[in-house]
Amino acid sequence: SSGINAEYGRHTDVYIKPLSFQPDSLIGQRFGQKYRVVQRQLVKVEESPVNLSEPNEHCGKTNEFIKDDGSTQILSQNDIEEMKAKGVRGDEIVKTLVENSTSFNVKTEFSKAKWLKKKISKHQPNVIVKKPSIRLFATSSISKFRPDILAKMINNANLWPGSKAIVVECKDDLLTSAVSQRTGESGTVVQVFKQRLPHIMHCKWLDFTQKHLDSLKYYPVKFLGKLKPGNQEENEDGTENPDEESGEKTQELGKRKRDKKPSLKFEDYVQAYELLSKTKFDSLVVSAFYDPFPVLELLWDSLRPSGNLVIHTEYLSVVLQCANFVHNQGCSELSVVDQWFREIQVLPGRTHPDMRMQTGGGFILSCTKLCEGMYEHGSDVPIVEMQEPVKVNRDTVE
């Protein structure tokens, strides 16, 4: 099975290999309904045409003497294509394949169920429209997060409705959407992005209200250096950025000149800058393919005492560098976890680990920020600053 995340309008063509259809008939229908494609139109499927009963016990048969070279199927590929051209339904094609297979009755019950499931997905693919959710996005093929990684990051960030969070990510807004869903309309989320424009794809699909979308702010990585006086403005790749040249760079002879991309303007992000420089946030969540250490140094002061820090990266050396930094600055409950995850197939008589799995999901650093001094509840200003203990010479004391 395969799935895509997309948004379509009326009278548009949808292509999901090997299907092509128009989604107009989906309007007004419930999520989770199964459809099959008939002449580029979606038709509801009430029941599965082929009964896939699960085997309950071993039947004593084996597949030891079955030749898996295609010679056991009487029908050729040309015969199947001719049936499809004539408009024969997928369930009829599957039944014909079963009748013309010389080895189907010899197979074990497990092999029969597996073989039927494979043929149905090939010759009778169905369409299921699901309601957008964070878990659905995380399980899609385009997601950079495994569901368990994303869940652990959100859990360690300690988010609640009304909290304030900073999210640093560079690919899409899946992490921002998950954080914003926890904080709600009364919360505040600032996304620090690396690309030319911020991603708001998943936020639109989750059907957030306009008030909820207004609580999302965006700020480029390029201008993070402005949060600390004396730092030079940085490029999107983290290097120092001198004054941008007004003209285009000279190209080699014979090559076409490329149009200069529009640059980011600081005036468009003044509101987010004031929010980052004057507000103490409850959580700082970082997930980036580049080195997050410079970003951590610049945003550490924006995290309030007892605030939660979560960093996700694929490289252990980067995590250790960030761990040494927060340890020296002051933190508690510091942990670095290499999340291991494996899917298990649970079926009667054939429970085993999935044969195809991801080798690793990256490292997760999490901690709670500590500051020296005594604070009132809900205040960021210390009542009494901690001072160095006074050393007394015992010889001078009478």
Protein backbone atom coordinates (compact mmCIF):
# COMPACT_ATOMS: atom_id res chain seq x y z
CA SER A 1 0.00 0.00 0.00
CA SER A 2 1.11 3.55 -0.71
CA GLY A 3 -0.20 6.93 0.27
CA ILE A 4 0.21 10.59 -0.61
CA ASN A 5 -0.50 13.84 1.20
CA ALA A 6 -2.05 16.35 -1.16
CA GLU A 7 -4.78 18.93 -1.60
CA TYR A 8 -7.06 18.90 -4.64
CA GLY A 9 -9.91 21.05 -5.90
CA ARG A 10 -12.96 20.36 -8.01
CA HIS A 11 -12.58 19.04 -11.56
CA THR A 12 -8.92 18.11 -11.08
CA ASP A 13 -7.25 14.87 -12.04
CA VAL A 14 -5.61 12.77 -9.34
CA TYR A 15 -2.83 10.36 -10.29
CA ILE A 16 -1.87 7.65 -7.80
CA LYS A 17 0.04 4.95 -9.63
CA PRO A 18 -1.55 3.00 -11.25
CA LEU A 19 -4.88 4.85 -10.75
CA SER A 20 -6.27 8.03 -12.27
CA PHE A 21 -9.58 9.56 -11.17
CA GLN A 22 -11.47 12.75 -10.33
CA PRO A 23 -12.15 13.48 -6.63
CA ASP A 24 -15.47 15.35 -7.09
CA SER A 25 -17.51 12.44 -5.72
CA LEU A 26 -15.64 12.62 -2.38
CA ILE A 27 -17.36 15.86 -1.39
CA GLY A 28 -19.81 15.25 1.43
CA GLN A 29 -18.54 11.72 2.15
CA ARG A 30 -17.05 10.52 5.42
CA PHE A 31 -13.36 9.89 6.04
CA GLY A 32 -12.18 6.28 5.98
CA GLN A 33 -14.56 5.17 3.22
CA LYS A 34 -13.07 2.74 0.71
CA TYR A 35 -13.52 3.34 -3.04
CA ARG A 36 -12.58 1.63 -6.26
CA VAL A 37 -11.97 3.39 -9.57
CA VAL A 38 -14.46 2.68 -12.38
CA GLN A 39 -13.99 4.71 -15.56
CA ARG A 40 -12.10 7.46 -13.72
CA GLN A 41 -14.88 7.75 -11.13
CA LEU A 42 -14.85 6.63 -7.49
CA VAL A 43 -17.39 3.99 -6.48
CA LYS A 44 -17.94 2.93 -2.87
CA VAL A 45 -16.76 -0.52 -1.82
CA GLU A 46 -19.01 -1.94 0.88
CA GLU A 47 -17.38 -5.35 1.31
CA SER A 48 -14.20 -6.98 0.14
CA PRO A 49 -14.95 -9.06 -3.02
CA VAL A 50 -12.43 -11.72 -2.03
CA ASN A 51 -12.62 -13.30 1.41
CA LEU A 52 -9.21 -13.20 3.09
CA SER A 53 -9.87 -15.46 6.06
CA GLU A 54 -6.95 -15.70 8.41
CA PRO A 55 -5.58 -19.23 8.90
CA ASN A 56 -6.00 -20.46 12.45
CA GLU A 57 -3.64 -23.41 12.54
CA HIS A 58 -1.05 -25.21 10.49
CA CYS A 59 -2.41 -27.53 7.83
CA GLY A 60 0.68 -29.71 7.45
CA LYS A 61 1.48 -28.55 3.90
CA THR A 62 4.79 -27.01 2.79
CA ASN A 63 5.94 -24.97 -0.21
CA GLU A 64 9.10 -27.00 -0.60
CA PHE A 65 8.33 -28.47 -4.03
CA ILE A 66 6.58 -25.45 -5.60
CA LYS A 67 8.49 -23.84 -8.44
CA ASP A 68 8.41 -20.07 -8.13
CA ASP A 69 9.42 -19.34 -11.74
CA GLY A 70 6.06 -18.26 -13.20
CA SER A 71 5.43 -21.53 -14.99
CA THR A 72 2.56 -22.43 -12.64
CA GLN A 73 0.34 -19.64 -14.04
CA ILE A 74 -1.45 -20.47 -17.30
CA LEU A 75 -2.47 -16.88 -18.06
CA SER A 76 0.18 -14.66 -19.62
CA GLN A 77 0.69 -10.96 -19.06
CA ASN A 78 -0.89 -10.22 -22.44
CA ASP A 79 -4.04 -12.09 -21.40
CA ILE A 80 -4.29 -10.02 -18.23
CA GLU A 81 -3.81 -6.77 -20.17
CA GLU A 82 -6.55 -7.78 -22.60
CA MET A 83 -8.92 -8.41 -19.69
CA LYS A 84 -8.18 -4.96 -18.28
CA ALA A 85 -8.71 -3.38 -21.71
CA LYS A 86 -12.14 -5.01 -21.94
CA GLY A 87 -13.11 -3.47 -18.59
CA VAL A 88 -13.03 -6.66 -16.49
CA ARG A 89 -13.18 -5.81 -12.80
CA GLY A 90 -10.21 -6.44 -10.57
CA ASP A 91 -11.92 -9.09 -8.43
CA GLU A 92 -12.79 -11.06 -11.57
CA ILE A 93 -9.16 -10.92 -12.68
CA VAL A 94 -8.03 -12.24 -9.29
CA LYS A 95 -10.54 -15.11 -9.44
CA THR A 96 -9.36 -15.97 -12.95
CA LEU A 97 -5.76 -16.02 -11.76
CA VAL A 98 -6.70 -18.40 -8.95
CA GLU A 99 -8.53 -20.74 -11.33
CA ASN A 100 -5.59 -20.81 -13.77
CA SER A 101 -2.90 -21.36 -11.14
CA THR A 102 -1.71 -24.94 -10.90
CA SER A 103 0.03 -24.40 -7.57
CA PHE A 104 -2.60 -22.42 -5.64
CA ASN A 105 -4.28 -25.45 -4.06
CA VAL A 106 -0.91 -26.91 -3.11
CA LYS A 107 0.14 -23.83 -1.15
CA THR A 108 -0.21 -23.57 2.60
CA GLU A 109 -3.02 -21.48 4.06
CA PHE A 110 -0.52 -18.79 4.97
CA SER A 111 0.85 -18.64 1.43
CA LYS A 112 -2.67 -18.49 -0.04
CA ALA A 113 -3.62 -15.49 2.09
CA LYS A 114 -0.36 -13.73 1.28
CA TRP A 115 -0.67 -14.48 -2.45
CA LEU A 116 -4.28 -13.22 -2.60
CA LYS A 117 -3.39 -10.02 -0.75
CA LYS A 118 -0.58 -9.33 -3.21
CA LYS A 119 -2.75 -9.91 -6.30
CA ILE A 120 -5.63 -7.83 -4.94
CA SER A 121 -3.36 -4.86 -4.26
CA LYS A 122 -1.98 -5.16 -7.80
CA HIS A 123 -5.11 -5.76 -9.87
CA GLN A 124 -7.78 -4.30 -7.61
CA PRO A 125 -6.30 -1.25 -5.85
CA ASN A 126 -8.65 0.74 -3.67
CA VAL A 127 -8.64 4.37 -2.58
CA ILE A 128 -9.14 5.35 1.07
CA VAL A 129 -9.40 9.03 2.03
CA LYS A 130 -8.22 9.60 5.61
CA LYS A 131 -8.61 12.62 7.83
CA PRO A 132 -5.36 14.60 8.14
CA SER A 133 -3.56 14.06 11.44
CA ILE A 134 -0.03 14.34 12.82
CA ARG A 135 0.28 10.56 13.06
CA LEU A 136 -0.84 10.15 9.45
CA PHE A 137 1.77 12.66 8.27
CA ALA A 138 4.49 10.98 10.34
CA THR A 139 3.78 7.57 8.80
CA SER A 140 3.85 8.87 5.22
CA SER A 141 6.78 8.22 2.92
CA ILE A 142 7.76 11.91 2.72
CA SER A 143 8.09 12.40 6.47
CA LYS A 144 11.55 12.93 7.98
CA PHE A 145 10.31 11.70 11.38
CA ARG A 146 9.33 8.26 12.54
CA PRO A 147 6.15 8.36 14.64
CA ASP A 148 8.02 7.23 17.76
CA ILE A 149 10.70 9.92 17.32
CA LEU A 150 8.12 12.67 16.90
CA ALA A 151 6.10 11.43 19.89
CA LYS A 152 9.17 11.35 22.15
CA MET A 153 10.21 14.86 21.13
CA ILE A 154 6.74 16.29 21.85
CA ASN A 155 6.60 14.43 25.17
CA ASN A 156 10.04 15.66 26.31
CA ALA A 157 9.23 19.23 25.28
CA ASN A 158 6.55 19.30 28.02
CA LEU A 159 4.00 21.32 26.02
CA TRP A 160 0.56 22.32 27.26
CA PRO A 161 -2.28 24.57 26.01
CA GLY A 162 -1.14 28.17 26.30
CA SER A 163 2.60 27.50 26.48
CA LYS A 164 5.21 29.32 24.38
CA ALA A 165 7.65 27.35 22.23
CA ILE A 166 10.44 27.89 19.70
CA VAL A 167 10.73 25.32 16.91
CA VAL A 168 13.81 25.08 14.66
CA GLU A 169 13.40 22.86 11.59
CA CYS A 170 14.59 23.02 8.01
CA LYS A 171 12.56 20.63 5.83
CA ASP A 172 8.85 21.02 6.45
CA ASP A 173 6.48 22.14 9.18
CA LEU A 174 5.52 18.74 10.60
CA LEU A 175 7.26 19.43 13.91
CA THR A 176 5.82 22.95 14.04
CA SER A 177 2.33 21.59 13.40
CA ALA A 178 2.68 18.98 16.14
CA VAL A 179 3.91 21.58 18.65
CA SER A 180 1.22 24.08 17.66
CA GLN A 181 -1.48 21.43 18.02
CA ARG A 182 -0.38 20.94 21.65
CA THR A 183 -0.14 24.64 22.51
CA GLY A 184 -3.51 25.47 20.92
CA GLU A 185 -4.93 28.87 20.02
CA SER A 186 -3.87 30.43 23.33
CA GLY A 187 -0.23 29.42 22.89
CA THR A 188 2.61 30.94 20.88
CA VAL A 189 4.92 29.10 18.50
CA VAL A 190 7.86 30.70 16.68
CA GLN A 191 9.28 28.68 13.79
CA VAL A 192 12.92 29.38 12.93
CA PHE A 193 13.33 28.34 9.31
CA LYS A 194 16.36 28.02 7.02
CA GLN A 195 14.82 28.14 3.55
CA ARG A 196 13.65 31.20 1.64
CA LEU A 197 10.08 31.01 2.90
CA PRO A 198 8.51 29.22 5.88
CA HIS A 199 6.57 26.01 5.30
CA ILE A 200 2.91 26.06 6.31
CA MET A 201 1.75 22.99 4.40
CA HIS A 202 0.73 20.70 7.26
CA CYS A 203 -0.85 23.53 9.26
CA LYS A 204 -3.31 24.13 6.42
CA TRP A 205 -4.13 20.44 6.12
CA LEU A 206 -4.86 20.19 9.85
CA ASP A 207 -7.63 22.76 9.41
CA PHE A 208 -6.42 25.17 12.09
CA THR A 209 -8.63 28.19 12.72
CA GLN A 210 -7.45 31.63 11.69
CA LYS A 211 -6.80 32.50 15.33
CA HIS A 212 -4.66 29.39 15.63
CA LEU A 213 -2.70 30.29 12.50
CA ASP A 214 -2.15 33.82 13.83
CA SER A 215 -0.42 32.35 16.90
CA LEU A 216 2.29 30.96 14.60
CA LYS A 217 5.23 33.29 14.00
CA TYR A 218 8.18 32.80 11.64
CA TYR A 219 11.77 33.99 11.86
CA PRO A 220 14.73 33.18 9.55
CA VAL A 221 17.95 31.59 10.77
CA LYS A 222 19.74 34.31 8.84
CA PHE A 223 18.77 36.97 11.41
CA LEU A 224 19.37 34.99 14.62
CA GLY A 225 22.64 36.88 15.13
CA LYS A 226 20.64 40.04 15.83
CA LEU A 227 19.38 38.54 19.10
CA LYS A 228 22.83 39.05 20.63
CA PRO A 229 24.50 42.44 20.25
CA GLY A 230 27.92 42.30 18.63
CA ASN A 231 27.21 39.24 16.48
CA GLN A 232 27.51 39.71 12.76
CA GLU A 233 24.58 38.87 10.58
CA GLU A 234 24.74 35.30 9.36
CA ASN A 235 23.83 33.59 6.16
CA GLU A 236 21.38 30.74 6.00
CA ASP A 237 24.27 28.27 6.11
CA GLY A 238 25.58 29.74 9.38
CA THR A 239 28.60 31.56 7.93
CA GLU A 240 29.23 35.25 8.38
CA ASN A 241 27.41 37.35 5.82
CA PRO A 242 29.06 40.52 4.49
CA ASP A 243 26.99 43.14 2.68
CA GLU A 244 25.16 41.50 -0.19
CA GLU A 245 26.32 42.50 -3.59
CA SER A 246 23.75 44.31 -5.67
CA GLY A 247 24.80 42.69 -8.94
CA GLU A 248 24.94 39.05 -9.97
CA LYS A 249 28.17 37.07 -9.79
CA THR A 250 30.17 36.69 -12.96
CA GLN A 251 29.42 33.44 -14.72
CA GLU A 252 31.73 31.35 -16.86
CA LEU A 253 31.71 32.07 -20.57
CA GLY A 254 29.01 30.12 -22.39
CA LYS A 255 26.86 29.50 -19.27
CA ARG A 256 23.49 31.11 -18.80
CA LYS A 257 23.21 33.61 -15.96
CA ARG A 258 20.74 32.74 -13.27
CA ASP A 259 18.32 35.24 -11.89
CA LYS A 260 19.12 36.33 -8.38
CA LYS A 261 16.66 34.96 -5.83
CA PRO A 262 14.81 37.54 -3.73
CA SER A 263 16.59 38.03 -0.41
CA LEU A 264 14.94 38.02 3.00
CA LYS A 265 14.16 41.40 4.52
CA PHE A 266 14.49 41.92 8.25
CA GLU A 267 11.61 44.41 8.22
CA ASP A 268 9.19 41.58 7.48
CA TYR A 269 10.12 39.75 10.71
CA VAL A 270 10.36 42.61 13.22
CA GLN A 271 7.38 41.30 15.23
CA ALA A 272 8.95 37.84 15.59
CA TYR A 273 12.29 39.45 16.51
CA GLU A 274 10.72 41.46 19.32
CA LEU A 275 8.96 38.34 20.54
CA LEU A 276 12.21 36.35 20.63
CA SER A 277 14.22 39.12 22.27
CA LYS A 278 11.70 40.12 24.97
CA THR A 279 9.85 36.87 25.77
CA LYS A 280 11.02 33.84 27.73
CA PHE A 281 9.78 30.63 26.15
CA ASP A 282 8.75 27.41 27.87
CA SER A 283 10.24 25.02 25.31
CA LEU A 284 12.94 24.98 22.64
CA VAL A 285 12.66 22.16 20.09
CA VAL A 286 15.38 21.78 17.44
CA SER A 287 15.52 19.36 14.52
CA ALA A 288 17.89 20.27 11.71
CA PHE A 289 20.14 18.60 9.14
CA TYR A 290 22.78 21.27 9.69
CA ASP A 291 24.81 21.81 12.88
CA PRO A 292 22.33 23.01 15.55
CA PHE A 293 25.02 24.15 18.00
CA PRO A 294 25.24 27.80 16.77
CA VAL A 295 21.45 28.02 16.90
CA LEU A 296 21.44 26.62 20.45
CA GLU A 297 23.96 29.23 21.58
CA LEU A 298 21.83 32.07 20.21
CA LEU A 299 18.48 30.81 21.51
CA TRP A 300 19.57 29.49 24.92
CA ASP A 301 18.90 32.84 26.60
CA SER A 302 15.36 32.88 25.14
CA LEU A 303 14.50 29.75 27.15
CA ARG A 304 13.14 30.48 30.62
CA PRO A 305 14.44 28.79 33.79
CA SER A 306 12.88 25.32 34.13
CA GLY A 307 12.20 25.39 30.40
CA ASN A 308 12.64 22.23 28.36
CA LEU A 309 15.16 21.74 25.55
CA VAL A 310 14.88 18.97 22.93
CA ILE A 311 17.36 18.51 20.08
CA HIS A 312 17.09 15.86 17.37
CA THR A 313 19.96 15.16 14.99
CA GLU A 314 21.52 12.24 13.16
CA TYR A 315 25.09 12.82 14.34
CA LEU A 316 26.41 11.80 17.75
CA SER A 317 29.30 14.27 17.72
CA VAL A 318 26.89 17.18 17.32
CA VAL A 319 24.73 15.92 20.19
CA LEU A 320 27.74 15.62 22.50
CA GLN A 321 28.83 19.17 21.68
CA CYS A 322 25.35 20.47 22.57
CA ALA A 323 25.29 18.32 25.72
CA ASN A 324 28.59 19.78 26.93
CA PHE A 325 27.27 23.30 26.31
CA VAL A 326 24.02 22.89 28.27
CA HIS A 327 25.87 21.06 31.06
CA ASN A 328 28.23 24.02 31.51
CA GLN A 329 25.36 26.51 31.32
CA GLY A 330 23.32 24.66 33.93
CA CYS A 331 20.69 21.99 33.39
CA SER A 332 19.08 18.97 35.00
CA GLU A 333 17.75 15.63 33.72
CA LEU A 334 20.20 15.72 30.81
CA SER A 335 19.81 12.65 28.60
CA VAL A 336 20.90 11.54 25.13
CA VAL A 337 18.84 8.72 23.63
CA ASP A 338 19.31 6.69 20.46
CA GLN A 339 15.72 5.70 19.77
CA TRP A 340 15.40 2.14 18.44
CA PHE A 341 12.18 1.03 16.82
CA ARG A 342 11.06 -2.12 15.06
CA GLU A 343 7.69 -3.08 13.64
CA ILE A 344 6.32 -6.51 14.51
CA GLN A 345 3.88 -8.43 12.34
CA VAL A 346 1.25 -9.92 14.64
CA LEU A 347 -0.84 -12.54 12.85
CA PRO A 348 -2.09 -15.99 13.91
CA GLY A 349 0.74 -18.49 13.53
CA ARG A 350 3.11 -16.01 11.81
CA THR A 351 4.18 -13.36 14.29
CA HIS A 352 7.70 -12.10 13.53
CA PRO A 353 9.64 -8.82 13.20
CA ASP A 354 9.17 -6.89 9.99
CA MET A 355 11.84 -7.74 7.46
CA ARG A 356 12.28 -4.14 6.29
CA MET A 357 12.92 -1.47 8.89
CA GLN A 358 14.89 1.73 9.43
CA THR A 359 18.28 1.21 11.01
CA GLY A 360 18.08 4.32 13.19
CA GLY A 361 16.02 7.41 13.79
CA GLY A 362 18.70 9.71 15.15
CA PHE A 363 19.72 10.96 18.59
CA ILE A 364 17.48 12.95 20.93
CA LEU A 365 18.95 15.28 23.56
CA SER A 366 16.61 16.58 26.25
CA CYS A 367 17.15 18.56 29.44
CA THR A 368 15.64 21.18 31.76
CA LYS A 369 17.31 24.58 32.04
CA LEU A 370 18.55 25.72 35.45
CA CYS A 371 19.64 29.18 36.56
CA GLU A 372 21.47 30.31 39.68
CA GLY A 373 19.44 32.31 42.17
CA MET A 374 16.06 32.22 43.92
CA TYR A 375 12.94 32.89 41.86
CA GLU A 376 9.26 33.43 42.56
CA HIS A 377 6.81 31.13 40.80
CA GLY A 378 6.15 32.40 37.28
CA SER A 379 8.88 35.08 37.41
CA ASP A 380 12.09 35.25 35.38
CA VAL A 381 13.74 37.85 37.63
CA PRO A 382 15.77 36.39 40.52
CA ILE A 383 14.99 37.57 44.05
CA VAL A 384 18.47 36.83 45.40
CA GLU A 385 21.49 36.27 43.20
CA MET A 386 23.73 33.40 44.29
CA GLN A 387 27.11 34.65 45.39
CA GLU A 388 30.43 32.95 45.81
CA PRO A 389 30.88 31.66 49.38
CA VAL A 390 33.11 33.85 51.54
CA LYS A 391 36.29 32.09 52.59
CA VAL A 392 37.24 32.67 56.24
CA ASN A 393 40.75 32.15 57.56
CA ARG A 394 40.48 30.14 60.76
CA ASP A 395 43.74 31.64 62.12
CA THR A 396 42.18 35.12 62.28
CA VAL A 397 39.12 33.94 64.19
CA GLU A 398 39.53 34.18 67.95
